[in-house]
Each structure stands twice: as C-alpha cells, then as structure tokens.
C-alpha atoms as a PDB file:
ATOM      1  CA  MET A   1       0.000   0.000   0.000  1.00  0.00           C
ATOM      2  CA  THR A   2       2.973   2.303  -0.553  1.00  0.00           C
ATOM      3  CA  VAL A   3       1.374   4.263  -3.378  1.00  0.00           C
ATOM      4  CA  LEU A   4      -1.992   4.487  -1.630  1.00  0.00           C
ATOM      5  CA  LEU A   5      -0.489   5.994   1.535  1.00  0.00           C
ATOM      6  CA  HIS A   6       1.703   8.312  -0.535  1.00  0.00           C
ATOM      7  CA  GLU A   7      -1.349   9.590  -2.431  1.00  0.00           C
ATOM      8  CA  LEU A   8      -3.291  10.179   0.771  1.00  0.00           C
ATOM      9  CA  ARG A   9      -0.407  12.065   2.367  1.00  0.00           C
ATOM     10  CA  GLN A  10       0.121  14.118  -0.777  1.00  0.00           C
ATOM     11  CA  ASN A  11      -3.544  15.091  -1.040  1.00  0.00           C
ATOM     12  CA  LYS A  12      -4.429  15.468   2.645  1.00  0.00           C
ATOM     13  CA  ILE A  13      -4.419  19.286   2.653  1.00  0.00           C
ATOM     14  CA  ALA A  14      -6.741  19.480  -0.351  1.00  0.00           C
ATOM     15  CA  LEU A  15      -8.994  16.839   1.214  1.00  0.00           C
ATOM     16  CA  ILE A  16      -9.211  18.768   4.489  1.00  0.00           C
ATOM     17  CA  ILE A  17      -9.960  22.047   2.703  1.00  0.00           C
ATOM     18  CA  TRP A  18     -12.659  20.565   0.484  1.00  0.00           C
ATOM     19  CA  SER A  19     -14.220  18.602   3.346  1.00  0.00           C
ATOM     20  CA  ALA A  20     -14.276  21.705   5.541  1.00  0.00           C
ATOM     21  CA  ALA A  21     -15.679  23.924   2.778  1.00  0.00           C
ATOM     22  CA  ILE A  22     -18.513  21.616   1.722  1.00  0.00           C
ATOM     23  CA  SER A  23     -19.312  20.659   5.329  1.00  0.00           C
ATOM     24  CA  PHE A  24     -19.423  24.333   6.311  1.00  0.00           C
ATOM     25  CA  MET A  25     -21.753  25.298   3.466  1.00  0.00           C
ATOM     26  CA  LEU A  26     -24.010  22.325   4.136  1.00  0.00           C
ATOM     27  CA  GLY A  27     -23.951  23.042   7.868  1.00  0.00           C
ATOM     28  CA  VAL A  28     -24.966  26.666   7.328  1.00  0.00           C
ATOM     29  CA  CYS A  29     -27.720  25.505   4.987  1.00  0.00           C
ATOM     30  CA  ILE A  30     -29.118  23.262   7.742  1.00  0.00           C
ATOM     31  CA  ILE A  31     -28.638  25.743  10.594  1.00  0.00           C
ATOM     32  CA  ILE A  32     -30.655  28.475   8.853  1.00  0.00           C
ATOM     33  CA  TYR A  33     -33.612  26.149   8.245  1.00  0.00           C
ATOM     34  CA  PRO A  34     -35.551  27.275  11.372  1.00  0.00           C
ATOM     35  CA  GLU A  35     -35.315  30.884  10.213  1.00  0.00           C
ATOM     36  CA  MET A  36     -36.273  29.927   6.673  1.00  0.00           C
ATOM     37  CA  SER A  37     -39.211  27.850   7.914  1.00  0.00           C
ATOM     38  CA  THR A  38     -40.946  30.972   9.228  1.00  0.00           C
ATOM     39  CA  GLN A  39     -41.157  32.259   5.653  1.00  0.00           C
ATOM     40  CA  ILE A  40     -41.536  28.891   4.016  1.00  0.00           C
ATOM     41  CA  GLY A  41     -45.185  29.332   2.987  1.00  0.00           C
ATOM     42  CA  ASP A  42     -44.448  32.386   0.872  1.00  0.00           C
ATOM     43  CA  ILE A  43     -41.283  30.788  -0.535  1.00  0.00           C
ATOM     44  CA  SER A  44     -43.108  27.574  -1.499  1.00  0.00           C
ATOM     45  CA  ALA A  45     -45.862  29.544  -3.219  1.00  0.00           C
ATOM     46  CA  MET A  46     -43.294  31.599  -5.096  1.00  0.00           C
ATOM     47  CA  PHE A  47     -41.350  28.543  -6.278  1.00  0.00           C
ATOM     48  CA  SER A  48     -44.508  26.689  -7.319  1.00  0.00           C
ATOM     49  CA  ASP A  49     -45.358  29.536  -9.698  1.00  0.00           C
ATOM     50  CA  MET A  50     -41.947  29.670 -11.363  1.00  0.00           C
ATOM     51  CA  GLY A  51     -42.749  27.038 -13.975  1.00  0.00           C
ATOM     52  CA  ALA A  52     -39.713  25.640 -15.785  1.00  0.00           C
ATOM     53  CA  PHE A  53     -37.289  26.993 -13.183  1.00  0.00           C
ATOM     54  CA  SER A  54     -39.065  25.034 -10.437  1.00  0.00           C
ATOM     55  CA  SER A  55     -38.987  21.882 -12.561  1.00  0.00           C
ATOM     56  CA  ALA A  56     -35.289  22.282 -13.332  1.00  0.00           C
ATOM     57  CA  PHE A  57     -34.354  22.048  -9.657  1.00  0.00           C
ATOM     58  CA  GLY A  58     -37.106  19.680  -8.532  1.00  0.00           C
ATOM     59  CA  MET A  59     -38.942  22.362  -6.550  1.00  0.00           C
ATOM     60  CA  ASP A  60     -42.268  21.338  -8.074  1.00  0.00           C
ATOM     61  CA  LYS A  61     -42.016  17.818  -6.590  1.00  0.00           C
ATOM     62  CA  LEU A  62     -40.800  18.585  -3.063  1.00  0.00           C
ATOM     63  CA  ASN A  63     -42.561  20.201  -0.142  1.00  0.00           C
ATOM     64  CA  PHE A  64     -40.284  23.100   0.696  1.00  0.00           C
ATOM     65  CA  GLY A  65     -42.151  23.507   3.982  1.00  0.00           C
ATOM     66  CA  GLU A  66     -40.734  20.230   5.326  1.00  0.00           C
ATOM     67  CA  PHE A  67     -37.099  19.732   6.263  1.00  0.00           C
ATOM     68  CA  MET A  68     -36.568  16.873   3.805  1.00  0.00           C
ATOM     69  CA  GLY A  69     -37.954  18.941   0.946  1.00  0.00           C
ATOM     70  CA  TYR A  70     -35.780  21.877   1.958  1.00  0.00           C
ATOM     71  CA  PHE A  71     -32.760  19.589   2.279  1.00  0.00           C
ATOM     72  CA  GLY A  72     -33.380  18.037  -1.125  1.00  0.00           C
ATOM     73  CA  VAL A  73     -33.429  21.417  -2.871  1.00  0.00           C
ATOM     74  CA  GLU A  74     -30.991  23.641  -0.980  1.00  0.00           C
ATOM     75  CA  CYS A  75     -28.530  21.237   0.640  1.00  0.00           C
ATOM     76  CA  GLY A  76     -28.684  18.764  -2.228  1.00  0.00           C
ATOM     77  CA  ASN A  77     -27.296  21.308  -4.671  1.00  0.00           C
ATOM     78  CA  VAL A  78     -24.421  22.151  -2.315  1.00  0.00           C
ATOM     79  CA  LEU A  79     -23.439  18.525  -1.790  1.00  0.00           C
ATOM     80  CA  GLY A  80     -24.195  17.452  -5.350  1.00  0.00           C
ATOM     81  CA  LEU A  81     -22.208  20.056  -7.240  1.00  0.00           C
ATOM     82  CA  GLY A  82     -19.514  20.572  -4.590  1.00  0.00           C
ATOM     83  CA  GLY A  83     -18.920  16.846  -4.223  1.00  0.00           C
ATOM     84  CA  ALA A  84     -18.907  16.370  -7.992  1.00  0.00           C
ATOM     85  CA  ILE A  85     -16.206  19.013  -8.444  1.00  0.00           C
ATOM     86  CA  PHE A  86     -14.057  17.437  -5.729  1.00  0.00           C
ATOM     87  CA  ALA A  87     -14.479  13.956  -7.217  1.00  0.00           C
ATOM     88  CA  ALA A  88     -13.528  15.238 -10.671  1.00  0.00           C
ATOM     89  CA  ILE A  89     -10.358  16.863  -9.316  1.00  0.00           C
ATOM     90  CA  VAL A  90      -9.332  13.734  -7.407  1.00  0.00           C
ATOM     91  CA  GLY A  91      -9.927  11.429 -10.366  1.00  0.00           C
ATOM     92  CA  ALA A  92      -8.382  13.697 -12.998  1.00  0.00           C
ATOM     93  CA  ASN A  93      -5.187  14.268 -11.013  1.00  0.00           C
ATOM     94  CA  ALA A  94      -4.666  10.639 -10.033  1.00  0.00           C
ATOM     95  CA  LEU A  95      -2.637   9.546 -13.072  1.00  0.00           C
ATOM     96  CA  ALA A  96      -2.076  12.706 -15.113  1.00  0.00           C
ATOM     97  CA  LYS A  97      -0.127  14.553 -12.424  1.00  0.00           C
ATOM     98  CA  GLU A  98       2.732  12.031 -12.538  1.00  0.00           C
ATOM     99  CA  GLU A  99       3.430  12.860 -16.179  1.00  0.00           C
ATOM    100  CA  LYS A 100       2.731  16.545 -15.786  1.00  0.00           C
ATOM    101  CA  GLU A 101       5.143  16.868 -12.858  1.00  0.00           C
ATOM    102  CA  HIS A 102       7.652  14.449 -14.440  1.00  0.00           C
ATOM    103  CA  THR A 103       7.573  12.057 -11.477  1.00  0.00           C
ATOM    104  CA  ALA A 104       6.190   9.028 -13.324  1.00  0.00           C
ATOM    105  CA  GLU A 105       9.619   7.687 -14.253  1.00  0.00           C
ATOM    106  CA  PHE A 106      10.715   7.712 -10.607  1.00  0.00           C
ATOM    107  CA  LEU A 107       7.528   5.955  -9.527  1.00  0.00           C
ATOM    108  CA  LEU A 108       7.880   3.257 -12.173  1.00  0.00           C
ATOM    109  CA  THR A 109      11.454   2.456 -11.092  1.00  0.00           C
ATOM    110  CA  HIS A 110      10.075   0.971  -7.880  1.00  0.00           C
ATOM    111  CA  PRO A 111       9.379  -2.795  -7.827  1.00  0.00           C
ATOM    112  CA  LEU A 112       5.681  -2.307  -8.456  1.00  0.00           C
ATOM    113  CA  SER A 113       3.727  -3.350 -11.510  1.00  0.00           C
ATOM    114  CA  ARG A 114       1.728  -0.741 -13.372  1.00  0.00           C
ATOM    115  CA  ALA A 115      -1.427  -2.639 -12.464  1.00  0.00           C
ATOM    116  CA  ARG A 116      -0.481  -2.373  -8.782  1.00  0.00           C
ATOM    117  CA  ILE A 117       0.237   1.353  -9.118  1.00  0.00           C
ATOM    118  CA  ILE A 118      -3.049   2.141 -10.827  1.00  0.00           C
ATOM    119  CA  THR A 119      -4.990  -0.027  -8.363  1.00  0.00           C
ATOM    120  CA  GLU A 120      -3.544   1.782  -5.360  1.00  0.00           C
ATOM    121  CA  LYS A 121      -4.141   5.167  -6.972  1.00  0.00           C
ATOM    122  CA  LEU A 122      -7.740   4.174  -7.645  1.00  0.00           C
ATOM    123  CA  LEU A 123      -8.174   3.032  -4.041  1.00  0.00           C
ATOM    124  CA  ALA A 124      -6.657   6.299  -2.800  1.00  0.00           C
ATOM    125  CA  SER A 125      -9.170   8.242  -4.889  1.00  0.00           C
ATOM    126  CA  VAL A 126     -12.052   6.180  -3.502  1.00  0.00           C
ATOM    127  CA  VAL A 127     -10.823   6.663   0.077  1.00  0.00           C
ATOM    128  CA  GLN A 128     -10.678  10.435  -0.405  1.00  0.00           C
ATOM    129  CA  VAL A 129     -14.259  10.534  -1.666  1.00  0.00           C
ATOM    130  CA  LEU A 130     -15.384   8.355   1.253  1.00  0.00           C
ATOM    131  CA  LEU A 131     -13.616  10.567   3.798  1.00  0.00           C
ATOM    132  CA  LEU A 132     -15.184  13.696   2.328  1.00  0.00           C
ATOM    133  CA  ASN A 133     -18.631  12.153   2.622  1.00  0.00           C
ATOM    134  CA  ALA A 134     -17.982  10.917   6.153  1.00  0.00           C
ATOM    135  CA  ALA A 135     -17.107  14.471   7.197  1.00  0.00           C
ATOM    136  CA  VAL A 136     -20.150  15.926   5.454  1.00  0.00           C
ATOM    137  CA  ILE A 137     -22.530  13.391   7.008  1.00  0.00           C
ATOM    138  CA  ALA A 138     -21.060  13.917  10.486  1.00  0.00           C
ATOM    139  CA  VAL A 139     -21.418  17.705  10.278  1.00  0.00           C
ATOM    140  CA  SER A 140     -24.941  17.399   8.866  1.00  0.00           C
ATOM    141  CA  CYS A 141     -26.031  15.133  11.728  1.00  0.00           C
ATOM    142  CA  VAL A 142     -24.552  17.485  14.337  1.00  0.00           C
ATOM    143  CA  CYS A 143     -26.284  20.495  12.780  1.00  0.00           C
ATOM    144  CA  MET A 144     -29.596  18.633  12.669  1.00  0.00           C
ATOM    145  CA  LEU A 145     -29.231  17.862  16.379  1.00  0.00           C
ATOM    146  CA  VAL A 146     -28.442  21.516  17.095  1.00  0.00           C
ATOM    147  CA  ILE A 147     -31.648  22.778  15.463  1.00  0.00           C
ATOM    148  CA  ASP A 148     -33.592  19.760  16.786  1.00  0.00           C
ATOM    149  CA  VAL A 149     -35.222  18.940  13.478  1.00  0.00           C
ATOM    150  CA  GLU A 150     -37.005  15.697  12.695  1.00  0.00           C
ATOM    151  CA  ALA A 151     -35.997  13.916   9.502  1.00  0.00           C
ATOM    152  CA  GLU A 152     -36.698  10.567   7.905  1.00  0.00           C
ATOM    153  CA  MET A 153     -33.317   8.992   8.539  1.00  0.00           C
ATOM    154  CA  GLY A 154     -33.822   6.180   6.040  1.00  0.00           C
ATOM    155  CA  THR A 155     -34.644   8.616   3.255  1.00  0.00           C
ATOM    156  CA  LEU A 156     -31.828  10.932   4.311  1.00  0.00           C
ATOM    157  CA  ALA A 157     -29.411   7.986   4.166  1.00  0.00           C
ATOM    158  CA  LEU A 158     -30.581   7.260   0.606  1.00  0.00           C
ATOM    159  CA  VAL A 159     -29.920  10.872  -0.383  1.00  0.00           C
ATOM    160  CA  PHE A 160     -26.384  10.713   1.011  1.00  0.00           C
ATOM    161  CA  LEU A 161     -25.829   7.318  -0.662  1.00  0.00           C
ATOM    162  CA  ALA A 162     -26.982   8.708  -4.005  1.00  0.00           C
ATOM    163  CA  TYR A 163     -24.525  11.607  -3.836  1.00  0.00           C
ATOM    164  CA  LEU A 164     -21.729   9.257  -2.801  1.00  0.00           C
ATOM    165  CA  LEU A 165     -22.423   7.051  -5.830  1.00  0.00           C
ATOM    166  CA  LEU A 166     -22.590  10.158  -8.023  1.00  0.00           C
ATOM    167  CA  GLN A 167     -19.157  11.257  -6.824  1.00  0.00           C
ATOM    168  CA  LEU A 168     -17.690   7.791  -7.336  1.00  0.00           C
ATOM    169  CA  GLU A 169     -18.988   7.716 -10.916  1.00  0.00           C
ATOM    170  CA  ILE A 170     -17.548  11.136 -11.715  1.00  0.00           C
ATOM    171  CA  MET A 171     -14.276  10.154 -10.056  1.00  0.00           C
ATOM    172  CA  ALA A 172     -14.155   6.929 -12.113  1.00  0.00           C
ATOM    173  CA  VAL A 173     -14.747   8.731 -15.415  1.00  0.00           C
ATOM    174  CA  SER A 174     -12.199  11.433 -14.543  1.00  0.00           C
ATOM    175  CA  PHE A 175      -9.770   8.693 -13.509  1.00  0.00           C
ATOM    176  CA  GLY A 176     -10.137   7.143 -16.948  1.00  0.00           C
ATOM    177  CA  ILE A 177      -9.594  10.523 -18.591  1.00  0.00           C
ATOM    178  CA  SER A 178      -6.414  11.050 -16.558  1.00  0.00           C
ATOM    179  CA  ALA A 179      -4.839   7.977 -18.157  1.00  0.00           C
ATOM    180  CA  PHE A 180      -5.265   9.459 -21.639  1.00  0.00           C
ATOM    181  CA  LEU A 181      -4.501  13.132 -21.086  1.00  0.00           C
ATOM    182  CA  ARG A 182      -1.485  14.797 -19.552  1.00  0.00           C
ATOM    183  CA  GLY A 183      -2.236  18.502 -19.411  1.00  0.00           C
ATOM    184  CA  GLY A 184      -5.983  18.675 -19.954  1.00  0.00           C
ATOM    185  CA  ALA A 185      -7.259  15.936 -17.654  1.00  0.00           C
ATOM    186  CA  LEU A 186      -8.397  18.318 -14.919  1.00  0.00           C
ATOM    187  CA  GLY A 187     -10.280  20.534 -17.341  1.00  0.00           C
ATOM    188  CA  ALA A 188     -11.926  17.519 -18.952  1.00  0.00           C
ATOM    189  CA  GLY A 189     -12.892  16.075 -15.572  1.00  0.00           C
ATOM    190  CA  LEU A 190     -14.401  19.350 -14.393  1.00  0.00           C
ATOM    191  CA  GLY A 191     -16.138  19.717 -17.738  1.00  0.00           C
ATOM    192  CA  PHE A 192     -17.710  16.302 -17.244  1.00  0.00           C
ATOM    193  CA  ALA A 193     -18.898  17.237 -13.735  1.00  0.00           C
ATOM    194  CA  PHE A 194     -20.410  20.573 -14.769  1.00  0.00           C
ATOM    195  CA  GLY A 195     -21.718  19.168 -18.044  1.00  0.00           C
ATOM    196  CA  THR A 196     -23.634  16.336 -16.407  1.00  0.00           C
ATOM    197  CA  TYR A 197     -25.057  18.765 -13.834  1.00  0.00           C
ATOM    198  CA  PHE A 198     -26.504  21.016 -16.521  1.00  0.00           C
ATOM    199  CA  ILE A 199     -27.666  18.036 -18.586  1.00  0.00           C
ATOM    200  CA  ASN A 200     -29.776  16.966 -15.613  1.00  0.00           C
ATOM    201  CA  ILE A 201     -31.272  20.456 -15.388  1.00  0.00           C
ATOM    202  CA  LEU A 202     -32.230  20.241 -19.073  1.00  0.00           C
ATOM    203  CA  ALA A 203     -33.723  16.780 -18.522  1.00  0.00           C
ATOM    204  CA  ASN A 204     -35.917  18.179 -15.739  1.00  0.00           C
ATOM    205  CA  LEU A 205     -37.312  20.943 -17.921  1.00  0.00           C
ATOM    206  CA  THR A 206     -39.404  18.768 -20.214  1.00  0.00           C
ATOM    207  CA  GLU A 207     -40.445  15.148 -20.678  1.00  0.00           C
ATOM    208  CA  ASP A 208     -38.970  15.251 -24.196  1.00  0.00           C
ATOM    209  CA  LEU A 209     -35.466  15.533 -22.710  1.00  0.00           C
ATOM    210  CA  LYS A 210     -35.924  13.096 -19.841  1.00  0.00           C
ATOM    211  CA  PHE A 211     -33.880  10.461 -21.704  1.00  0.00           C
ATOM    212  CA  LEU A 212     -30.803  12.588 -20.924  1.00  0.00           C
ATOM    213  CA  LYS A 213     -30.986  11.374 -17.331  1.00  0.00           C
ATOM    214  CA  TYR A 214     -29.486   8.090 -18.519  1.00  0.00           C
ATOM    215  CA  ILE A 215     -26.156   9.800 -19.217  1.00  0.00           C
ATOM    216  CA  THR A 216     -25.841  11.922 -16.091  1.00  0.00           C
ATOM    217  CA  PRO A 217     -25.153  10.705 -12.540  1.00  0.00           C
ATOM    218  CA  PHE A 218     -27.374  13.535 -11.317  1.00  0.00           C
ATOM    219  CA  GLY A 219     -30.235  11.544 -12.836  1.00  0.00           C
ATOM    220  CA  TYR A 220     -30.216   9.018  -9.981  1.00  0.00           C
ATOM    221  CA  ALA A 221     -28.964  11.507  -7.357  1.00  0.00           C
ATOM    222  CA  ASP A 222     -32.130  13.555  -7.616  1.00  0.00           C
ATOM    223  CA  GLY A 223     -33.776  14.453  -4.328  1.00  0.00           C
ATOM    224  CA  ALA A 224     -36.987  15.289  -6.185  1.00  0.00           C
ATOM    225  CA  TYR A 225     -37.335  11.558  -6.933  1.00  0.00           C
ATOM    226  CA  ILE A 226     -35.581   9.981  -3.932  1.00  0.00           C
ATOM    227  CA  ILE A 227     -37.448  11.837  -1.177  1.00  0.00           C
ATOM    228  CA  PRO A 228     -41.051  11.257  -2.368  1.00  0.00           C
ATOM    229  CA  GLU A 229     -40.376   7.706  -3.637  1.00  0.00           C
ATOM    230  CA  LYS A 230     -37.947   6.721  -0.848  1.00  0.00           C
ATOM    231  CA  SER A 231     -35.752   4.860  -3.339  1.00  0.00           C
ATOM    232  CA  LEU A 232     -33.111   5.442  -5.992  1.00  0.00           C
ATOM    233  CA  GLU A 233     -33.947   5.522  -9.693  1.00  0.00           C
ATOM    234  CA  LYS A 234     -32.456   2.098 -10.429  1.00  0.00           C
ATOM    235  CA  LYS A 235     -32.456   2.279 -14.220  1.00  0.00           C
ATOM    236  CA  TYR A 236     -30.321   5.428 -14.180  1.00  0.00           C
ATOM    237  CA  LEU A 237     -28.105   3.983 -11.443  1.00  0.00           C
ATOM    238  CA  ALA A 238     -27.468   0.835 -13.510  1.00  0.00           C
ATOM    239  CA  VAL A 239     -26.280   2.925 -16.455  1.00  0.00           C
ATOM    240  CA  GLY A 240     -24.098   4.961 -14.093  1.00  0.00           C
ATOM    241  CA  ILE A 241     -22.419   1.810 -12.794  1.00  0.00           C
ATOM    242  CA  VAL A 242     -21.653   0.738 -16.363  1.00  0.00           C
ATOM    243  CA  ILE A 243     -20.211   4.180 -17.199  1.00  0.00           C
ATOM    244  CA  ALA A 244     -18.017   4.081 -14.081  1.00  0.00           C
ATOM    245  CA  ALA A 245     -16.806   0.582 -14.967  1.00  0.00           C
ATOM    246  CA  VAL A 246     -15.932   1.728 -18.489  1.00  0.00           C
ATOM    247  CA  GLY A 247     -13.927   4.641 -17.083  1.00  0.00           C
ATOM    248  CA  ILE A 248     -11.927   2.411 -14.752  1.00  0.00           C
ATOM    249  CA  THR A 249     -11.380  -0.270 -17.406  1.00  0.00           C
ATOM    250  CA  ALA A 250     -10.175   2.360 -19.876  1.00  0.00           C
ATOM    251  CA  ALA A 251      -7.723   3.675 -17.284  1.00  0.00           C
ATOM    252  CA  TYR A 252      -6.178   0.224 -16.768  1.00  0.00           C
ATOM    253  CA  TRP A 253      -6.065  -0.517 -20.492  1.00  0.00           C
ATOM    254  CA  LYS A 254      -4.338   2.749 -21.368  1.00  0.00           C
ATOM    255  CA  TYR A 255      -1.988   3.158 -18.408  1.00  0.00           C
ATOM    256  CA  ILE A 256      -0.602  -0.387 -18.463  1.00  0.00           C
ATOM    257  CA  LYS A 257       0.571  -0.083 -22.075  1.00  0.00           C
ATOM    258  CA  LYS A 258       1.270   3.654 -22.101  1.00  0.00           C
ATOM    259  CA  ASP A 259       4.717   4.990 -23.000  1.00  0.00           C
ATOM    260  CA  ILE A 260       5.380   7.423 -20.161  1.00  0.00           C
ATOM    261  CA  ALA A 261       9.010   8.151 -20.900  1.00  0.00           C
END
C-alpha cells in the first residue's frame, strides 16, 4: 500500500480544505432552516409559480415547507455540485499529475507493476471521496441535532448514498480521462462534472429531454425523486455503474501499455 499511503499524504491538505468547505456550506444551509421555515409558505408559493425553473431544480415535486424537501433542494445542490467538483479533481489528477510533474519515471522504477500502481491510486481516490462524505454526514447530523429537526433517517441515508455514488462515478470517469490526457485531464474532468449537472437540469425541464438522465449521474442523485419515492432511480443507477466501470477499465487498459518516458 505504498502508493496508496503516498497519495493520501500528498492530497491530505486538499482533502481537508474541500471537506471543511462543503461541510461548512451544508452546515450553514441546515442551521438556517428554522429561520427559513418561518417564511416557508411564501417561498413555497413563489417557487410553485416559477414554472420551468421550479422543474429544473425539482422544486415542483418537493414540499419546501418540510425539512426533507428543503434539504433536497438547498442542501442537495451544495453537496451534489460541490462533491462532484471534488471527485472530478481527485480522479483527474490521479494519473495525469505524474506525467505533468515528471515524477512518473521515478515511480515506475520501484518494484511495483503498473497494475499495482493504478490499483492503489484508484483506491486512494475512492478513500478520499469516502472521507469527504464521512465528514459531510457527520457535520450534517450534528447540525440537525443543534436545530432539533425531525428527519426521515432512512430517506436521508438514501440521499447521502446517491450523492456518494454520483461522486464515485464522476471520479471513475475522470480517472479514466487522466490515463489518456497529460495537461488537460483536470479541465476535462471538471467539464464532465459541470456538463452532467446542466444536462440533468435540461432533462428536468421537459419530458422530451428526460432520456438525458441516462447519461448523467445527477439523474439518480435527484432528491426530487428519492425523497417522495424513498428509493433510488435504479435504471439510471445501472447505467451509471456501467459508465463508471468503463472509465476504470479504460484507465487500466491505457496506463498499463502507455509509453510514459
């Protein structure tokens, strides 16, 4: 586990900063709920009359007057987009940075196969995503205790699980990209994260574009479906698993035979 530990040590500052930033924003979002709830009737009425905008962010399907509805709209966007950006950065930097910083040759001189190196880098990326989510969940639970709000814990767990799976898919695709690109992997990874986010918004606008949910991880990490239905959208999740597997397989295929010199 030499490479895995090295990756975690190398990325610990970034992990701490991102975990703190997303946890803080999510914590603030939860803490202000009691204040928001006093105006929630007017806010819900306003959102319900906003047509396509409400549909784009799932506001037409959630009760903004309840904590879970509020969490699905406000907090879900913070965790969804923030976590996606972090996952893209972690995945895109995993393999590309060695070539970019000209440290790949040194790494490959160690008695480790390329398959072992890529496996440990993949595991390190997964661990970082898991640690980020552990921090976010812990802070969220503490903040919910502070404001003494009641929430459906089973449904809340599904929401957190959905965003974790979303981040792992984006990380996997970005990881695959990092094996092919040297200088542009980060930009491509971030482009994938932002692109899939906006694709999901388009898919929510009209039934004619709903098929786009098959190609975006935000399709199954959608609080507007998870909270009322108390389940994940399995058909979109299945496609997401396949896309993640393709990304990881592509990374192994390319990196093992790649001329890094």
